[in-house]
Amino acid sequence: MPQVILETTGILVEARDARRLKELLLGRTLKDPAFPLNAQFIALCDELDLLSRSTSETVAKAIAGSVMKPVKNALLGLAELAETSARTGLPAILHSAAPSAEHILDLARAMPSARLIAAHCNHPSFTPEEAVATARLLHDTGVLIDVSTLDCISTHWRNTAENLDALIGEGLVDTLSTDFAGGHWDGILEAVHRMIVSRQLSAPRAIALATGNVASAFGAFHDAGRLEVGKRADITIADSLNLSRVRHVIIGGKHVVRDGAINDAGQDND
């Protein structure tokens, strides 16, 4: 959207301001805009100096044009994924947010044999209360609940951790991922550390969200995700006081990272 607004008005807006414009125009569930435009949208256009180069109606049409068609196509894509999952038995990861949550719920109810994973159920389009209520409904239909670090753990560029904390606190989370977050995502171990120091989860349960639970969700990774005899000897060793600080990494029984430094090729790995 910042690029579309720039092309329309000649003014570059911050991503967070583009989100504000979008939600004032289309709502958090992304519905076709209503005309005449609401006063808050017009006021924000004025605050961002967009009206010095364009009109609020032109800005609105540009934003709606860039958002609504991809959203409609994406919803069709979610249905195609769910149908493929029901047919093949393979897991399908679906984009979960306020505009798609009801659609995912309908798909899960219509295709109970589909193995659906609702990605980033802590999406910022939800309020914390909505995130919990939606995740509970999805969970009750057999959908796996994923949360993402986004940039909400330490970066706080566009997102904060309220939704993540709420879902973890309610015991609704199955897996933990990162998501792109505009290229500013926080690390998975940062989220694991947060869960442990805030006493939301024990260390084994928090770590399982990013390891064993993921392996179970996808099935194909039967030899990974758990420290058990016969499984791959891939181990990450972190700082005892801050799990986001990786000290050592062992892959196949060999040190590839020692004391935070990547081993050079040919270095003794014993």
Protein backbone atom coordinates (compact mmCIF):
# COMPACT_ATOMS: atom_id res chain seq x y z
CA MET A 1 0.00 0.00 0.00
CA PRO A 2 2.74 2.56 0.66
CA GLN A 3 3.85 2.07 -2.96
CA VAL A 4 0.30 2.47 -4.29
CA ILE A 5 -0.21 5.61 -2.22
CA LEU A 6 3.13 6.95 -3.46
CA GLU A 7 2.15 6.33 -7.07
CA THR A 8 -1.21 8.02 -6.50
CA THR A 9 -0.15 11.04 -4.47
CA GLY A 10 3.62 11.34 -4.78
CA ILE A 11 3.89 11.00 -0.99
CA LEU A 12 5.48 8.03 0.77
CA VAL A 13 3.71 7.04 3.98
CA GLU A 14 4.94 4.72 6.73
CA ALA A 15 3.64 1.15 6.74
CA ARG A 16 1.79 1.71 10.01
CA ASP A 17 0.01 4.75 8.53
CA ALA A 18 -0.93 2.77 5.43
CA ARG A 19 -2.46 0.17 7.73
CA ARG A 20 -4.43 2.87 9.54
CA LEU A 21 -5.78 4.19 6.25
CA LYS A 22 -6.71 0.69 5.12
CA GLU A 23 -8.59 -0.14 8.31
CA LEU A 24 -10.45 3.17 8.38
CA LEU A 25 -11.51 2.63 4.78
CA LEU A 26 -12.14 -1.13 4.64
CA GLY A 27 -12.44 -2.16 8.28
CA ARG A 28 -10.36 -4.90 9.90
CA THR A 29 -12.29 -7.57 8.00
CA LEU A 30 -11.66 -5.81 4.66
CA LYS A 31 -15.03 -5.10 3.09
CA ASP A 32 -15.65 -2.97 0.01
CA PRO A 33 -15.47 0.72 0.97
CA ALA A 34 -18.58 2.78 1.64
CA PHE A 35 -19.12 6.19 0.07
CA PRO A 36 -19.30 8.93 1.17
CA LEU A 37 -16.08 8.35 3.06
CA ASN A 38 -16.00 8.51 6.84
CA ALA A 39 -14.59 11.63 8.45
CA GLN A 40 -11.73 9.78 10.20
CA PHE A 41 -10.34 8.50 6.90
CA ILE A 42 -10.48 11.99 5.38
CA ALA A 43 -8.86 13.48 8.48
CA LEU A 44 -5.99 10.97 8.35
CA CYS A 45 -5.46 11.69 4.64
CA ASP A 46 -5.20 15.35 5.56
CA GLU A 47 -2.85 14.66 8.49
CA LEU A 48 -0.53 12.73 6.15
CA ASP A 49 -0.66 15.62 3.65
CA LEU A 50 -2.16 13.38 0.97
CA LEU A 51 -4.87 15.91 0.18
CA SER A 52 -2.28 18.42 -0.97
CA ARG A 53 -1.63 16.17 -3.97
CA SER A 54 -4.89 14.27 -4.40
CA THR A 55 -8.44 13.83 -3.15
CA SER A 56 -9.65 11.48 -0.44
CA GLU A 57 -11.82 9.68 -3.00
CA THR A 58 -8.84 9.05 -5.29
CA VAL A 59 -6.76 7.76 -2.38
CA ALA A 60 -9.62 5.53 -1.26
CA LYS A 61 -10.09 4.01 -4.71
CA ALA A 62 -6.35 3.37 -5.03
CA ILE A 63 -6.20 1.60 -1.66
CA ALA A 64 -9.33 -0.44 -2.31
CA GLY A 65 -8.09 -1.40 -5.76
CA SER A 66 -4.81 -2.65 -4.38
CA VAL A 67 -6.40 -4.62 -1.54
CA MET A 68 -9.79 -6.04 -2.44
CA LYS A 69 -8.97 -8.05 -5.58
CA PRO A 70 -5.99 -9.85 -3.98
CA VAL A 71 -8.10 -10.57 -0.89
CA LYS A 72 -10.87 -12.15 -2.96
CA ASN A 73 -8.35 -14.24 -4.90
CA ALA A 74 -6.61 -15.25 -1.68
CA LEU A 75 -9.85 -16.53 -0.17
CA LEU A 76 -10.36 -18.67 -3.26
CA GLY A 77 -6.82 -19.94 -2.79
CA LEU A 78 -7.53 -20.96 0.81
CA ALA A 79 -10.46 -23.05 -0.37
CA GLU A 80 -8.27 -24.71 -3.00
CA LEU A 81 -5.65 -25.51 -0.37
CA ALA A 82 -8.21 -27.01 1.99
CA GLU A 83 -9.68 -29.14 -0.78
CA THR A 84 -6.20 -30.37 -1.71
CA SER A 85 -5.47 -31.22 1.92
CA ALA A 86 -8.73 -33.16 2.26
CA ARG A 87 -7.94 -35.08 -0.93
CA THR A 88 -4.27 -35.84 -0.26
CA GLY A 89 -4.04 -35.92 3.51
CA LEU A 90 -1.22 -33.38 3.42
CA PRO A 91 -1.24 -30.41 5.84
CA ALA A 92 -2.24 -27.00 4.49
CA ILE A 93 -1.10 -23.71 6.03
CA LEU A 94 -3.77 -21.02 5.69
CA HIS A 95 -3.34 -17.28 6.21
CA SER A 96 -5.34 -16.51 9.36
CA ALA A 97 -6.45 -12.94 10.00
CA ALA A 98 -9.68 -11.07 10.62
CA PRO A 99 -10.61 -11.08 6.90
CA SER A 100 -10.05 -14.85 6.52
CA ALA A 101 -10.89 -16.37 9.92
CA GLU A 102 -14.58 -17.02 9.25
CA HIS A 103 -13.71 -18.49 5.84
CA ILE A 104 -11.19 -20.89 7.42
CA LEU A 105 -13.75 -21.93 10.00
CA ASP A 106 -16.31 -22.68 7.28
CA LEU A 107 -13.72 -24.71 5.35
CA ALA A 108 -12.78 -26.72 8.43
CA ARG A 109 -16.42 -27.54 9.14
CA ALA A 110 -17.12 -28.46 5.52
CA MET A 111 -13.98 -30.62 5.13
CA PRO A 112 -13.25 -32.33 8.46
CA SER A 113 -10.68 -34.63 6.83
CA ALA A 114 -8.50 -31.66 5.81
CA ARG A 115 -5.38 -31.10 7.93
CA LEU A 116 -5.48 -27.34 8.34
CA ILE A 117 -2.99 -25.09 10.12
CA ALA A 118 -4.16 -21.55 10.82
CA ALA A 119 -1.01 -19.45 10.48
CA HIS A 120 -0.20 -16.48 12.74
CA CYS A 121 -3.44 -16.57 14.74
CA ASN A 122 -2.00 -13.61 16.66
CA HIS A 123 -2.33 -11.48 13.51
CA PRO A 124 -2.61 -7.75 14.33
CA SER A 125 -5.97 -7.48 12.56
CA PHE A 126 -7.45 -9.25 15.62
CA THR A 127 -7.99 -7.69 19.01
CA PRO A 128 -6.70 -9.97 21.80
CA GLU A 129 -10.26 -11.00 22.60
CA GLU A 130 -10.99 -11.80 18.96
CA ALA A 131 -7.74 -13.73 18.60
CA VAL A 132 -8.65 -15.97 21.55
CA ALA A 133 -12.28 -16.46 20.51
CA THR A 134 -11.33 -17.24 16.90
CA ALA A 135 -8.53 -19.62 17.87
CA ARG A 136 -10.84 -21.47 20.24
CA LEU A 137 -13.45 -21.97 17.50
CA LEU A 138 -10.79 -23.14 15.04
CA HIS A 139 -9.20 -25.42 17.62
CA ASP A 140 -12.57 -27.01 18.38
CA THR A 141 -12.93 -27.94 14.69
CA GLY A 142 -9.52 -29.63 14.64
CA VAL A 143 -7.51 -26.80 13.08
CA LEU A 144 -3.96 -26.46 14.43
CA ILE A 145 -3.25 -23.03 15.90
CA ASP A 146 0.01 -21.36 14.87
CA VAL A 147 1.37 -18.10 16.25
CA SER A 148 4.17 -16.03 14.73
CA THR A 149 6.83 -13.88 16.29
CA LEU A 150 6.27 -11.23 13.60
CA ASP A 151 8.15 -8.20 14.97
CA CYS A 152 6.25 -8.27 18.24
CA ILE A 153 8.84 -9.64 20.66
CA SER A 154 11.62 -7.05 20.66
CA THR A 155 11.52 -5.05 17.41
CA HIS A 156 8.02 -3.55 17.81
CA TRP A 157 8.09 -1.93 14.38
CA ARG A 158 4.42 -2.45 13.64
CA ASN A 159 3.30 -5.10 16.12
CA THR A 160 3.26 -5.85 19.84
CA ALA A 161 2.81 -9.08 21.77
CA GLU A 162 -0.69 -8.73 23.25
CA ASN A 163 -2.29 -11.27 20.91
CA LEU A 164 0.58 -13.72 21.27
CA ASP A 165 0.47 -13.48 25.07
CA ALA A 166 -3.31 -13.92 25.11
CA LEU A 167 -3.23 -17.08 23.01
CA ILE A 168 -0.34 -18.61 24.95
CA GLY A 169 -2.06 -17.71 28.22
CA GLU A 170 -5.21 -19.55 27.14
CA GLY A 171 -3.25 -22.66 26.15
CA LEU A 172 -4.49 -22.53 22.56
CA VAL A 173 -1.19 -22.62 20.64
CA ASP A 174 0.13 -25.67 18.79
CA THR A 175 3.09 -24.30 16.80
CA LEU A 176 5.36 -21.27 16.69
CA SER A 177 6.70 -19.66 13.49
CA THR A 178 8.21 -16.32 12.44
CA ASP A 179 6.38 -14.85 9.40
CA PHE A 180 7.97 -12.10 7.30
CA ALA A 181 6.91 -8.93 9.16
CA GLY A 182 8.20 -6.74 6.37
CA GLY A 183 11.65 -8.29 6.74
CA HIS A 184 11.91 -7.37 10.43
CA TRP A 185 10.80 -10.59 12.10
CA ASP A 186 11.98 -11.53 15.59
CA GLY A 187 13.59 -14.91 16.23
CA ILE A 188 11.66 -17.95 17.40
CA LEU A 189 13.91 -18.37 20.43
CA GLU A 190 13.12 -14.79 21.44
CA ALA A 191 9.47 -15.79 21.74
CA VAL A 192 10.38 -19.00 23.55
CA HIS A 193 12.43 -17.00 26.04
CA ARG A 194 9.54 -14.58 26.58
CA MET A 195 7.13 -17.43 27.34
CA ILE A 196 9.51 -18.94 29.87
CA VAL A 197 10.56 -15.80 31.76
CA SER A 198 6.95 -14.60 31.93
CA ARG A 199 6.06 -18.00 33.39
CA GLN A 200 3.44 -18.66 30.76
CA LEU A 201 4.98 -22.00 29.82
CA SER A 202 7.65 -24.35 31.10
CA ALA A 203 10.81 -24.55 29.02
CA PRO A 204 9.96 -27.98 27.53
CA ARG A 205 6.45 -26.88 26.53
CA ALA A 206 7.65 -23.58 25.03
CA ILE A 207 10.45 -25.25 23.06
CA ALA A 208 8.06 -27.95 21.81
CA LEU A 209 6.01 -25.30 20.00
CA ALA A 210 8.94 -24.77 17.62
CA THR A 211 10.30 -28.33 17.51
CA GLY A 212 8.35 -31.49 18.36
CA ASN A 213 4.92 -29.98 17.73
CA VAL A 214 6.00 -28.82 14.28
CA ALA A 215 7.38 -32.25 13.44
CA SER A 216 4.09 -33.83 14.54
CA ALA A 217 2.02 -31.34 12.55
CA PHE A 218 3.82 -32.13 9.31
CA GLY A 219 4.40 -35.82 9.82
CA ALA A 220 7.14 -36.03 7.20
CA PHE A 221 9.70 -34.87 9.77
CA HIS A 222 9.42 -38.10 11.74
CA ASP A 223 13.14 -38.15 12.55
CA ALA A 224 13.35 -34.56 13.81
CA GLY A 225 11.95 -32.35 16.52
CA ARG A 226 12.71 -34.45 19.60
CA LEU A 227 15.82 -35.57 21.46
CA GLU A 228 15.26 -39.32 21.22
CA VAL A 229 17.34 -42.35 20.31
CA GLY A 230 17.26 -42.97 16.58
CA LYS A 231 16.41 -39.41 15.58
CA ARG A 232 18.70 -36.87 13.92
CA ALA A 233 21.47 -35.53 16.16
CA ASP A 234 20.70 -31.87 15.46
CA ILE A 235 20.89 -29.85 18.68
CA THR A 236 20.89 -26.15 19.54
CA ILE A 237 22.45 -25.16 22.87
CA ALA A 238 21.45 -21.74 24.18
CA ASP A 239 22.44 -19.45 27.03
CA SER A 240 20.95 -20.73 30.29
CA LEU A 241 19.66 -17.26 31.23
CA ASN A 242 18.53 -16.15 27.77
CA LEU A 243 17.39 -18.83 25.36
CA SER A 244 17.46 -16.40 22.44
CA ARG A 245 21.28 -16.39 22.59
CA VAL A 246 22.50 -19.44 20.70
CA ARG A 247 25.87 -20.72 21.96
CA HIS A 248 26.39 -23.97 20.04
CA VAL A 249 24.74 -25.84 17.16
CA ILE A 250 25.41 -29.53 16.53
CA ILE A 251 24.25 -31.09 13.26
CA GLY A 252 24.71 -34.79 12.66
CA GLY A 253 26.92 -34.97 15.72
CA LYS A 254 29.32 -32.24 14.51
CA HIS A 255 29.73 -28.71 15.84
CA VAL A 256 28.76 -26.19 13.16
CA VAL A 257 28.52 -23.32 15.63
CA ARG A 258 30.78 -23.16 18.69
CA ASP A 259 30.57 -20.30 21.20
CA GLY A 260 28.42 -18.33 18.77
CA ALA A 261 30.86 -18.58 15.85
CA ILE A 262 30.35 -20.66 12.71
CA ASN A 263 33.10 -23.25 12.31
CA ASP A 264 35.29 -22.90 9.24
CA ALA A 265 35.28 -25.70 6.68
CA GLY A 266 37.74 -28.37 7.63
CA GLN A 267 38.00 -27.29 11.28
CA ASP A 268 38.07 -30.11 13.81
CA ASN A 269 34.45 -30.71 14.83
CA ASP A 270 35.02 -33.39 17.43
